Amino acid sequence: MTSEEIKSIIDLELKSESDLTNVLGLALTKCVVAPTRQKYLNSLDNTKSEYLWTVLEDSEDKSGYKIFYDEKENMFGLGIMSKNEELINIGYYGTFLETLYSM
């Protein structure tokens, strides 16, 4: 799967949002980032990791929530940055918008 294919999935879902400048207090036009594959640790077993596509950063300093896409599961989920500067997968929520509303 490519970055462009993932972006198309997100863009299709976002068509149902009337105001992309303020969804749950987030400026989606700034928070949605170009999909980038990054290593995420499993929240229950930090010896396990996988590469997921980061598609949203809710803060400019990267300290807040992230939304990722898992192409194997065809699902979006939430991540956070650990104190050790490692990304952690904290769970799957379904679609991009379902994940966004779960934040």
Protein backbone atom coordinates (compact mmCIF):
# COMPACT_ATOMS: atom_id res chain seq x y z
CA MET A 1 0.00 0.00 0.00
CA THR A 2 1.23 3.49 -0.75
CA SER A 3 0.99 6.79 1.08
CA GLU A 4 -1.33 8.09 -1.66
CA GLU A 5 -3.73 5.15 -1.29
CA ILE A 6 -3.99 5.76 2.46
CA LYS A 7 -4.52 9.47 1.89
CA SER A 8 -7.39 8.60 -0.49
CA ILE A 9 -9.07 6.49 2.23
CA ILE A 10 -8.88 9.42 4.65
CA ASP A 11 -10.02 11.99 2.08
CA LEU A 12 -13.07 9.88 1.23
CA GLU A 13 -14.08 9.69 4.91
CA LEU A 14 -13.49 13.39 5.50
CA LYS A 15 -16.01 14.29 2.79
CA SER A 16 -18.71 13.63 5.41
CA GLU A 17 -17.27 16.33 7.70
CA SER A 18 -18.72 19.76 7.00
CA ASP A 19 -15.96 21.79 8.70
CA LEU A 20 -12.43 20.41 8.52
CA THR A 21 -11.02 23.41 10.35
CA ASN A 22 -12.46 22.34 13.70
CA VAL A 23 -13.31 18.71 14.46
CA LEU A 24 -13.22 18.02 18.20
CA GLY A 25 -11.07 21.10 18.62
CA LEU A 26 -8.51 19.92 16.07
CA ALA A 27 -7.67 21.79 12.90
CA LEU A 28 -7.63 18.76 10.61
CA THR A 29 -6.12 20.79 7.81
CA LYS A 30 -3.01 21.07 10.02
CA CYS A 31 -3.15 17.78 11.97
CA VAL A 32 -3.54 15.30 9.12
CA VAL A 33 -0.02 14.56 7.90
CA ALA A 34 1.35 12.76 4.88
CA PRO A 35 1.15 9.04 5.75
CA THR A 36 4.54 7.91 7.03
CA ARG A 37 5.53 4.38 8.05
CA GLN A 38 6.87 4.34 11.58
CA LYS A 39 7.72 1.74 14.19
CA TYR A 40 5.09 1.35 16.95
CA LEU A 41 5.56 -0.75 20.07
CA ASN A 42 2.74 -2.96 21.35
CA SER A 43 1.23 -1.39 24.49
CA LEU A 44 0.91 -4.76 26.26
CA ASP A 45 4.30 -6.16 25.26
CA ASN A 46 6.97 -3.60 24.40
CA THR A 47 9.22 -6.33 23.01
CA LYS A 48 6.82 -6.56 20.04
CA SER A 49 6.70 -3.88 17.39
CA GLU A 50 5.29 -3.29 13.94
CA TYR A 51 5.42 -0.66 11.25
CA LEU A 52 2.24 1.39 10.90
CA TRP A 53 1.34 4.49 8.90
CA THR A 54 1.13 7.66 11.02
CA VAL A 55 -1.58 9.85 9.46
CA LEU A 56 -2.43 12.43 12.16
CA GLU A 57 -0.52 14.32 14.86
CA ASP A 58 -2.76 16.20 17.29
CA SER A 59 0.01 18.52 18.51
CA GLU A 60 2.82 20.32 16.75
CA ASP A 61 5.41 19.17 19.32
CA LYS A 62 4.41 15.53 18.63
CA SER A 63 3.65 14.93 22.31
CA GLY A 64 -0.05 14.21 21.85
CA TYR A 65 -2.10 11.49 20.23
CA LYS A 66 -1.35 10.05 16.82
CA ILE A 67 -3.69 8.25 14.48
CA PHE A 68 -2.13 5.42 12.51
CA TYR A 69 -3.31 3.09 9.76
CA ASP A 70 -2.56 -0.63 9.79
CA GLU A 71 -2.76 -1.95 6.25
CA LYS A 72 -2.79 -5.61 7.39
CA GLU A 73 -5.84 -5.04 9.59
CA ASN A 74 -7.34 -2.34 7.32
CA MET A 75 -8.03 -0.31 10.45
CA PHE A 76 -7.04 2.96 12.08
CA GLY A 77 -5.93 3.26 15.67
CA LEU A 78 -4.46 5.56 18.29
CA GLY A 79 -0.85 5.93 19.30
CA ILE A 80 1.15 7.99 21.75
CA MET A 81 4.80 8.92 22.20
CA SER A 82 6.47 7.32 25.23
CA LYS A 83 8.86 9.07 27.61
CA ASN A 84 11.61 7.26 25.71
CA GLU A 85 10.53 8.87 22.41
CA GLU A 86 9.05 5.60 21.11
CA LEU A 87 5.64 5.35 19.46
CA ILE A 88 3.16 3.05 21.19
CA ASN A 89 0.04 1.48 19.64
CA ILE A 90 -2.71 1.92 22.25
CA GLY A 91 -5.55 0.38 20.27
CA TYR A 92 -7.59 -0.01 17.11
CA TYR A 93 -10.85 1.88 16.61
CA GLY A 94 -11.97 1.14 13.04
CA THR A 95 -12.31 3.91 10.49
CA PHE A 96 -10.37 7.17 10.51
CA LEU A 97 -13.39 9.12 11.81
CA GLU A 98 -14.24 6.48 14.46
CA THR A 99 -10.65 6.73 15.67
CA LEU A 100 -10.73 10.53 15.61
CA TYR A 101 -13.94 10.59 17.66
CA SER A 102 -12.33 8.16 20.16
CA MET A 103 -9.62 10.67 21.07
